[in-house]
Protein backbone atom coordinates (compact mmCIF):
# COMPACT_ATOMS: atom_id res chain seq x y z
CA MET A 1 -19.19 50.53 -40.23
CA PRO A 2 -15.71 49.18 -38.81
CA GLU A 3 -15.57 47.90 -34.92
CA GLU A 4 -14.39 50.21 -32.38
CA ARG A 5 -10.48 49.84 -31.61
CA PHE A 6 -9.74 49.96 -27.78
CA ARG A 7 -6.34 51.16 -26.48
CA VAL A 8 -5.35 48.84 -23.71
CA LEU A 9 -2.21 49.04 -21.29
CA VAL A 10 -1.34 45.62 -19.91
CA VAL A 11 1.05 45.87 -17.08
CA ALA A 12 2.58 42.39 -16.05
CA SER A 13 5.21 41.77 -13.10
CA HIS A 14 7.32 39.84 -15.87
CA PRO A 15 7.20 37.86 -19.04
CA VAL A 16 5.31 34.44 -18.60
CA GLN A 17 5.19 31.68 -21.11
CA TYR A 18 1.50 31.06 -20.64
CA ALA A 19 0.54 35.00 -21.64
CA SER A 20 2.94 35.70 -24.34
CA PRO A 21 0.83 33.87 -27.02
CA ALA A 22 -2.14 35.52 -25.92
CA PHE A 23 -0.36 39.15 -26.20
CA ARG A 24 0.62 38.20 -29.62
CA ARG A 25 -2.92 37.21 -30.69
CA MET A 26 -4.27 40.23 -29.06
CA ALA A 27 -1.89 42.67 -31.08
CA GLN A 28 -2.88 40.99 -34.42
CA ASP A 29 -6.88 41.78 -33.65
CA ALA A 30 -7.95 44.59 -35.44
CA ARG A 31 -10.55 45.49 -32.13
CA LEU A 32 -7.51 46.11 -29.88
CA ASP A 33 -4.53 48.62 -29.83
CA ILE A 34 -2.33 46.96 -26.88
CA GLN A 35 0.93 48.26 -24.90
CA VAL A 36 2.61 45.74 -22.98
CA ALA A 37 4.54 47.08 -19.92
CA TYR A 38 6.77 44.83 -17.88
CA CYS A 39 7.90 45.37 -14.40
CA SER A 40 10.79 43.17 -14.72
CA LEU A 41 12.27 40.63 -17.34
CA GLN A 42 12.76 37.59 -15.25
CA GLY A 43 11.95 34.57 -17.34
CA VAL A 44 13.59 36.10 -20.48
CA GLU A 45 16.89 36.41 -18.55
CA PRO A 46 18.33 33.19 -16.51
CA GLY A 47 17.45 33.32 -12.90
CA VAL A 48 16.96 30.76 -10.14
CA ASP A 49 13.23 30.11 -9.41
CA PRO A 50 13.16 29.69 -5.82
CA GLU A 51 10.05 26.95 -5.97
CA PHE A 52 12.03 24.83 -8.76
CA GLY A 53 15.35 25.29 -6.93
CA VAL A 54 17.23 25.53 -10.21
CA GLU A 55 18.06 28.00 -12.61
CA VAL A 56 15.14 28.53 -15.44
CA VAL A 57 15.19 30.30 -18.86
CA TRP A 58 11.96 29.38 -20.99
CA ASP A 59 12.84 28.11 -24.29
CA VAL A 60 9.74 29.59 -26.23
CA PRO A 61 9.83 33.30 -27.35
CA LEU A 62 8.41 35.61 -24.71
CA LEU A 63 8.77 38.92 -26.26
CA ASP A 64 8.27 38.40 -29.88
CA GLY A 65 4.92 39.59 -31.95
CA TYR A 66 3.55 42.52 -29.93
CA PRO A 67 4.73 46.03 -28.47
CA TRP A 68 6.04 45.92 -25.21
CA VAL A 69 8.47 48.30 -22.70
CA GLN A 70 10.25 47.67 -19.60
CA VAL A 71 9.36 50.13 -17.00
CA PRO A 72 12.62 50.60 -14.87
CA ASN A 73 12.36 48.79 -11.44
CA LYS A 74 13.91 51.16 -8.80
CA SER A 75 13.67 48.69 -5.94
CA PRO A 76 16.88 48.40 -3.96
CA TRP A 77 15.73 44.89 -3.32
CA PRO A 78 14.55 43.65 -7.12
CA GLY A 79 12.75 40.43 -7.37
CA LEU A 80 9.58 38.88 -7.49
CA GLY A 81 7.61 37.63 -4.40
CA ARG A 82 7.99 40.52 -2.00
CA PHE A 83 6.25 43.74 -1.65
CA TRP A 84 9.38 45.96 -2.29
CA GLY A 85 10.82 43.75 -5.05
CA LEU A 86 9.02 45.59 -7.63
CA VAL A 87 9.14 49.42 -7.71
CA ASN A 88 8.09 50.99 -11.12
CA PRO A 89 7.40 54.60 -10.55
CA GLY A 90 7.26 55.07 -14.06
CA LEU A 91 4.11 53.35 -14.39
CA TRP A 92 2.43 56.53 -13.20
CA LYS A 93 3.59 58.87 -16.07
CA LEU A 94 2.85 56.03 -19.10
CA VAL A 95 -0.93 55.83 -17.59
CA ARG A 96 -1.03 59.48 -17.05
CA THR A 97 0.47 60.82 -20.06
CA HIS A 98 -1.19 58.41 -22.37
CA ARG A 99 -5.32 58.02 -23.48
CA PHE A 100 -5.59 54.65 -22.66
CA ASP A 101 -9.21 53.35 -22.62
CA ALA A 102 -8.32 50.84 -20.00
CA VAL A 103 -5.49 49.44 -18.05
CA LEU A 104 -5.22 45.46 -17.60
CA THR A 105 -2.96 44.48 -14.48
CA TYR A 106 -1.21 41.17 -14.23
CA THR A 107 0.62 42.72 -11.41
CA GLY A 108 -0.67 41.69 -8.17
CA TYR A 109 -1.55 43.93 -4.91
CA ALA A 110 1.33 42.30 -3.06
CA TYR A 111 3.71 44.60 -4.78
CA LEU A 112 4.18 48.30 -4.33
CA SER A 113 4.02 48.83 -8.08
CA PHE A 114 0.37 47.78 -8.07
CA TRP A 115 -0.43 50.64 -6.01
CA ILE A 116 1.56 53.00 -8.08
CA LEU A 117 -0.41 51.67 -11.08
CA ALA A 118 -3.70 51.88 -9.30
CA ALA A 119 -3.29 55.40 -8.29
CA ALA A 120 -2.38 56.46 -11.47
CA ALA A 121 -5.69 54.75 -13.15
CA LYS A 122 -7.97 56.37 -10.62
CA PHE A 123 -6.37 59.85 -10.75
CA SER A 124 -6.56 59.79 -14.59
CA GLY A 125 -10.17 58.35 -14.89
CA THR A 126 -8.76 55.36 -16.51
CA PRO A 127 -10.57 52.00 -16.04
CA LEU A 128 -8.84 49.40 -14.23
CA ILE A 129 -9.21 45.66 -15.06
CA THR A 130 -7.54 42.59 -13.34
CA SER A 131 -7.76 38.88 -13.96
CA THR A 132 -7.64 36.40 -11.14
CA ASP A 133 -7.75 32.50 -10.70
CA ALA A 134 -8.22 32.77 -6.69
CA TYR A 135 -11.17 30.72 -5.20
CA ASN A 136 -10.88 31.07 -1.35
CA LEU A 137 -9.17 33.60 1.17
CA GLY A 138 -6.15 31.59 2.28
CA GLY A 139 -4.69 29.65 -0.63
CA ALA A 140 -3.25 26.41 0.52
CA ASN A 141 -3.98 27.22 4.24
CA PRO A 142 -7.45 28.90 4.39
CA ARG A 143 -7.64 29.24 8.29
CA GLY A 144 -4.07 30.96 8.51
CA TRP A 145 -3.69 34.43 9.74
CA LYS A 146 -3.13 35.79 6.17
CA SER A 147 -6.91 34.63 5.24
CA LEU A 148 -7.83 36.68 8.25
CA LEU A 149 -6.18 39.75 7.05
CA LYS A 150 -7.10 39.13 3.64
CA ARG A 151 -11.06 39.12 4.66
CA LEU A 152 -10.34 42.47 5.86
CA CYS A 153 -8.56 43.89 2.97
CA LEU A 154 -9.51 42.22 0.07
CA PRO A 155 -12.96 43.58 -0.30
CA LEU A 156 -11.40 47.21 -0.49
CA VAL A 157 -8.71 45.97 -3.03
CA TYR A 158 -11.38 44.75 -5.21
CA ARG A 159 -13.03 47.98 -5.12
CA LEU A 160 -10.44 49.58 -7.02
CA TYR A 161 -11.25 47.51 -10.23
CA ASP A 162 -13.76 48.37 -12.66
CA VAL A 163 -14.07 44.90 -13.91
CA VAL A 164 -12.56 41.62 -12.64
CA ILE A 165 -11.77 38.85 -15.03
CA ALA A 166 -12.84 35.34 -13.80
CA ALA A 167 -11.02 32.45 -14.78
CA SER A 168 -13.53 30.20 -13.40
CA GLU A 169 -17.11 29.56 -11.82
CA ALA A 170 -15.69 28.93 -8.65
CA THR A 171 -13.56 32.34 -8.80
CA ARG A 172 -16.66 34.20 -10.08
CA ARG A 173 -18.35 33.18 -6.86
CA PHE A 174 -15.53 33.85 -4.62
CA VAL A 175 -14.97 37.42 -6.11
CA GLN A 176 -18.62 37.86 -5.63
CA SER A 177 -18.41 36.90 -2.19
CA LEU A 178 -16.01 39.87 -1.53
CA GLY A 179 -18.73 42.26 -2.29
CA VAL A 180 -18.20 42.74 -6.06
CA PRO A 181 -21.34 43.23 -7.78
CA ARG A 182 -22.13 40.36 -10.32
CA GLY A 183 -22.24 43.29 -13.25
CA ARG A 184 -18.50 43.87 -12.80
CA ILE A 185 -17.13 40.07 -12.79
CA ALA A 186 -16.64 38.85 -16.47
CA LEU A 187 -16.46 34.96 -16.69
CA THR A 188 -14.02 35.00 -19.60
CA PRO A 189 -12.81 31.25 -20.16
CA GLY A 190 -9.96 30.60 -22.55
CA GLY A 191 -6.38 31.89 -23.15
CA PHE A 192 -4.93 28.35 -24.12
CA ASP A 193 -2.91 28.30 -27.08
CA ILE A 194 -4.49 25.05 -28.01
CA GLU A 195 -3.16 25.13 -31.52
CA TRP A 196 0.50 24.97 -30.70
CA TRP A 197 -0.04 22.39 -28.02
CA ALA A 198 -1.69 20.44 -30.42
CA ARG A 199 0.49 20.99 -33.07
CA GLU A 200 3.66 20.30 -31.31
CA ALA A 201 2.07 17.12 -30.01
CA ASN A 202 1.21 15.87 -33.35
CA LEU A 203 4.84 16.06 -34.51
CA CYS A 204 6.35 14.12 -31.42
CA ASP A 205 7.37 10.52 -31.68
CA GLY A 206 6.12 8.64 -28.94
CA ARG A 207 8.81 6.19 -29.48
CA ALA A 208 11.55 9.15 -29.16
CA VAL A 209 9.84 10.38 -26.03
CA ARG A 210 10.08 7.43 -24.45
CA LYS A 211 13.73 6.78 -25.49
CA ARG A 212 14.36 10.30 -24.03
CA TRP A 213 13.33 9.95 -20.78
CA GLY A 214 14.25 6.15 -20.28
CA ILE A 215 10.83 4.50 -20.41
CA PRO A 216 10.48 1.32 -22.30
CA GLU A 217 8.78 1.48 -25.58
CA ASN A 218 5.58 -0.36 -24.71
CA SER A 219 5.10 0.52 -21.18
CA PRO A 220 2.11 2.82 -20.22
CA PHE A 221 3.30 5.70 -17.79
CA PHE A 222 1.19 8.37 -15.82
CA LEU A 223 2.48 11.67 -15.49
CA PHE A 224 2.73 14.15 -12.84
CA CYS A 225 3.88 17.62 -14.03
CA ALA A 226 4.22 20.49 -11.46
CA LYS A 227 6.64 21.81 -8.54
CA LEU A 228 7.44 18.92 -6.34
CA GLN A 229 6.34 20.97 -3.17
CA PRO A 230 3.84 20.17 -0.31
CA ARG A 231 0.92 21.66 -1.51
CA LYS A 232 0.90 19.73 -4.66
CA ARG A 233 0.97 16.48 -2.82
CA PRO A 234 3.06 14.42 -5.23
CA GLN A 235 3.47 11.81 -2.26
CA ASP A 236 0.05 11.02 -2.85
CA VAL A 237 0.45 10.15 -6.50
CA LEU A 238 3.71 8.12 -5.70
CA ARG A 239 1.79 6.11 -2.95
CA ALA A 240 -1.23 5.24 -5.20
CA PHE A 241 1.20 4.28 -7.88
CA ALA A 242 2.64 1.88 -5.65
CA LYS A 243 -0.67 0.10 -5.07
CA ILE A 244 -1.07 -0.75 -8.86
CA ASP A 245 -0.34 -4.14 -9.47
CA THR A 246 1.20 -3.63 -13.08
CA ALA A 247 4.99 -4.49 -13.45
CA ASP A 248 5.40 -2.64 -16.70
CA CYS A 249 3.68 0.87 -15.95
CA HIS A 250 5.99 3.67 -15.08
CA LEU A 251 5.30 6.94 -13.21
CA ILE A 252 6.95 10.33 -14.43
CA PHE A 253 7.70 13.34 -12.44
CA ALA A 254 8.18 16.36 -14.39
CA GLY A 255 9.37 19.17 -12.28
CA ASP A 256 11.55 19.94 -9.53
CA GLY A 257 11.33 21.43 -6.03
CA PRO A 258 12.00 20.52 -2.31
CA MET A 259 10.36 17.07 -2.08
CA ARG A 260 12.19 15.62 -4.84
CA ASP A 261 14.82 13.84 -2.34
CA GLN A 262 12.02 12.79 -0.01
CA LEU A 263 10.32 11.38 -3.13
CA ALA A 264 12.96 9.58 -4.20
CA ALA A 265 13.74 7.89 -0.89
CA GLU A 266 10.05 6.86 -0.34
CA ALA A 267 9.89 5.18 -3.80
CA GLU A 268 12.93 3.18 -2.78
CA ALA A 269 11.45 2.16 0.40
CA LEU A 270 8.15 1.20 -1.58
CA GLY A 271 9.96 -0.94 -4.12
CA ILE A 272 8.87 0.87 -7.07
CA SER A 273 12.07 3.34 -7.70
CA ARG A 274 12.91 1.07 -10.81
CA ARG A 275 9.56 2.30 -12.31
CA VAL A 276 9.80 5.98 -11.14
CA ILE A 277 11.60 8.58 -13.21
CA PHE A 278 12.32 12.01 -12.19
CA CYS A 279 12.78 14.43 -15.12
CA GLY A 280 13.62 17.56 -13.20
CA PHE A 281 12.47 20.73 -14.56
CA VAL A 282 11.36 20.19 -18.18
CA ASN A 283 11.17 23.29 -20.51
CA GLN A 284 8.27 24.13 -22.59
CA THR A 285 9.04 22.78 -25.97
CA GLN A 286 9.72 19.11 -24.31
CA LEU A 287 6.17 18.95 -22.85
CA PRO A 288 3.83 18.37 -25.63
CA GLY A 289 5.53 15.09 -26.24
CA LEU A 290 5.20 13.91 -22.62
CA PHE A 291 1.36 14.75 -22.40
CA ARG A 292 0.71 12.93 -25.89
CA ALA A 293 2.49 9.87 -24.97
CA ALA A 294 1.19 9.86 -21.09
CA GLU A 295 -1.91 7.80 -20.40
CA LEU A 296 -2.83 10.29 -17.70
CA LEU A 297 -1.93 13.60 -16.23
CA VAL A 298 -2.30 13.42 -12.52
CA LEU A 299 -2.63 16.48 -10.67
CA SER A 300 -3.07 15.90 -6.80
CA SER A 301 -2.85 19.49 -5.33
CA GLU A 302 -4.79 20.48 -1.96
CA TRP A 303 -4.83 24.32 -3.54
CA ASP A 304 -3.82 25.25 -6.93
CA GLY A 305 -5.87 28.27 -8.25
CA CYS A 306 -6.66 27.41 -12.02
CA PRO A 307 -3.63 25.31 -12.95
CA LEU A 308 -2.69 25.85 -16.80
CA VAL A 309 -1.12 22.49 -16.95
CA VAL A 310 -4.66 20.85 -17.17
CA GLY A 311 -5.47 22.78 -20.42
CA GLU A 312 -2.03 22.18 -21.86
CA ALA A 313 -2.35 18.49 -21.37
CA MET A 314 -5.81 18.15 -22.57
CA SER A 315 -4.90 20.30 -25.82
CA CYS A 316 -2.44 17.52 -26.56
CA GLY A 317 -5.20 14.76 -25.90
CA CYS A 318 -4.12 14.01 -22.48
CA PRO A 319 -7.06 13.22 -19.84
CA VAL A 320 -6.48 14.62 -16.66
CA VAL A 321 -7.17 12.92 -12.90
CA LEU A 322 -7.88 16.09 -10.85
CA SER A 323 -7.92 16.75 -7.08
CA ASP A 324 -11.50 17.73 -5.90
CA ALA A 325 -9.47 20.60 -4.02
CA ILE A 326 -8.98 22.54 -7.30
CA PRO A 327 -12.65 23.73 -8.32
CA GLY A 328 -10.96 26.31 -10.64
CA ARG A 329 -10.70 23.52 -13.26
CA PHE A 330 -13.84 21.71 -12.75
CA GLU A 331 -15.24 23.26 -16.04
CA LEU A 332 -12.48 21.36 -17.87
CA VAL A 333 -12.21 18.19 -16.17
CA GLU A 334 -15.86 16.26 -16.35
CA HIS A 335 -15.36 12.96 -14.36
CA GLY A 336 -15.66 10.01 -16.60
CA HIS A 337 -15.51 12.23 -19.74
CA THR A 338 -12.43 14.05 -20.38
CA GLY A 339 -10.61 12.87 -16.94
CA PHE A 340 -11.40 11.83 -13.46
CA ILE A 341 -11.84 13.76 -10.19
CA TYR A 342 -11.17 12.25 -6.75
CA PRO A 343 -11.33 13.16 -3.19
CA CYS A 344 -8.03 15.15 -2.31
CA GLY A 345 -5.86 12.95 -0.25
CA ASP A 346 -7.80 9.51 -0.88
CA VAL A 347 -4.80 7.43 -2.27
CA ASN A 348 -6.86 4.38 -2.44
CA ALA A 349 -9.58 6.40 -4.61
CA LEU A 350 -6.47 7.54 -6.84
CA ALA A 351 -5.16 4.11 -7.20
CA SER A 352 -8.27 2.54 -8.47
CA ILE A 353 -8.80 5.12 -11.01
CA LEU A 354 -5.04 4.60 -12.32
CA SER A 355 -5.50 0.87 -12.31
CA GLY A 356 -8.80 1.05 -14.06
CA VAL A 357 -7.70 3.20 -17.08
CA LEU A 358 -4.92 0.60 -17.72
CA LYS A 359 -7.43 -2.08 -18.28
CA ASP A 360 -9.48 -0.15 -20.61
CA SER A 361 -7.69 1.17 -23.57
CA ASP A 362 -11.03 2.17 -25.41
CA GLN A 363 -12.00 4.42 -22.68
CA LEU A 364 -8.70 6.27 -22.71
CA LYS A 365 -9.07 6.87 -26.52
CA ARG A 366 -12.62 8.29 -26.09
CA MET A 367 -11.34 10.59 -23.14
CA SER A 368 -8.46 11.84 -25.24
CA ALA A 369 -11.08 12.98 -28.01
CA ALA A 370 -13.36 14.24 -25.68
CA ALA A 371 -10.35 16.28 -24.09
CA LEU A 372 -9.38 17.78 -27.43
CA GLU A 373 -13.14 18.57 -28.32
CA ARG A 374 -13.46 20.25 -24.77
CA MET A 375 -10.69 22.75 -25.32
CA LYS A 376 -12.08 24.00 -28.39
CA ALA A 377 -13.97 26.38 -26.17
CA TRP A 378 -11.01 27.69 -24.37
CA SER A 379 -8.82 29.06 -27.01
CA ILE A 380 -7.08 32.20 -27.39
CA PRO A 381 -9.69 33.58 -29.60
CA VAL A 382 -12.48 32.81 -27.29
CA TYR A 383 -10.70 34.76 -24.35
CA ILE A 384 -9.81 37.83 -26.80
CA ASP A 385 -13.79 37.88 -27.72
CA GLY A 386 -14.71 37.89 -24.11
CA PHE A 387 -12.20 40.47 -23.61
CA VAL A 388 -13.56 42.63 -26.39
CA ASP A 389 -16.98 42.67 -24.50
CA VAL A 390 -15.57 43.42 -21.33
CA MET A 391 -13.86 46.76 -22.92
CA LYS A 392 -17.24 47.58 -24.52
CA GLN A 393 -18.67 47.50 -20.86
CA VAL A 394 -16.02 49.66 -19.24
CA VAL A 395 -15.57 52.21 -22.06
CA GLY A 396 -19.44 52.53 -22.09
CA VAL A 397 -19.65 53.29 -18.58
CA ARG A 398 -16.86 55.52 -18.72
CA ARG A 399 -18.44 57.63 -21.59
CA VAL A 400 -21.60 57.73 -19.48
CA HIS A 401 -19.66 59.18 -16.40
CA VAL A 402 -18.05 61.89 -18.94
CA LYS A 403 -21.46 62.89 -20.07
CA GLU A 404 -22.75 63.03 -16.62
CA GLN A 405 -20.00 65.07 -15.39
CA GLU A 406 -19.90 67.61 -18.42
CA ALA A 407 -23.85 68.00 -18.01
């Protein structure tokens, strides 16, 4: 007999380059019938990213290959990052008048539209599912007033969800600490379009990549790929690089943000500005070549959820150096095997790692192969299989409730 097909409404605040490949594969899966609803089209249309500080429009297709609708945003102050920025009353009708088996929300509780969506799901008896990568209460400032407010409010918010999809074991433990029963938490790894990243990396010419960014042909380089903002701690990477006694090595900052001028001035003061390159915002199609050509990707954040750049780099065969303040990616980065983990803020420890890999090219080759192998368990098909299991769970529970009410 054919497998049951589940009708799922996926609600997202805006199109994201990371999610679109998964939506395309979900639309092709015979077990799923998805409808994506966007509260905004930011990202498809050019707009200034407040953290990058530059106008951003992604150079990969975001809306192709899956059914989607835009729910009109009625906010008088439209935009992302504020509660009143998304006001989409049409979500109520969309949920209430269609017989979806479940609603999967990527619209966070910090928007009014989330509460419209949650109310519609509850009033219609439609299971509500969310996905999160959080692993503490306060984000980058766990002792701030927001963490105290979250401690009071988050357990109430998470009671609204029938299932929470956790991106990592650290996230699963955090969600469970909020009082969510273990049976309502699904640890579902995956979601990386590893085939695309590996294919694009294989098509790249390392010499052309170096020429594009002004890197000497035979010069090794380390890559920092993130927004240049305080919680990412890019200054740690710069200072560790300055301690390396290798005149031909380079450091590449792929990203933009408020710390760019500060970092450039510090590179000048340290006497390494000639070997530090600031690429600015790098669009997605240009990243596979950087990942493939780099010796290592370095991510030095003091808080970072489950940064997707880690899986992207590893899918291109680039090992990762990870701060130990990012437990959401410990399943991917295994110290000495697929990358390295060092104590956050310890510049000397980071410098030691960077210096060591330059002396052992065989180790880098082994780690590159191990990174590629590790990512096979984190592909989009793996994620979809996990999501289908979630759907079987929530639909089964829903049917039991309906039978009990009918009895």
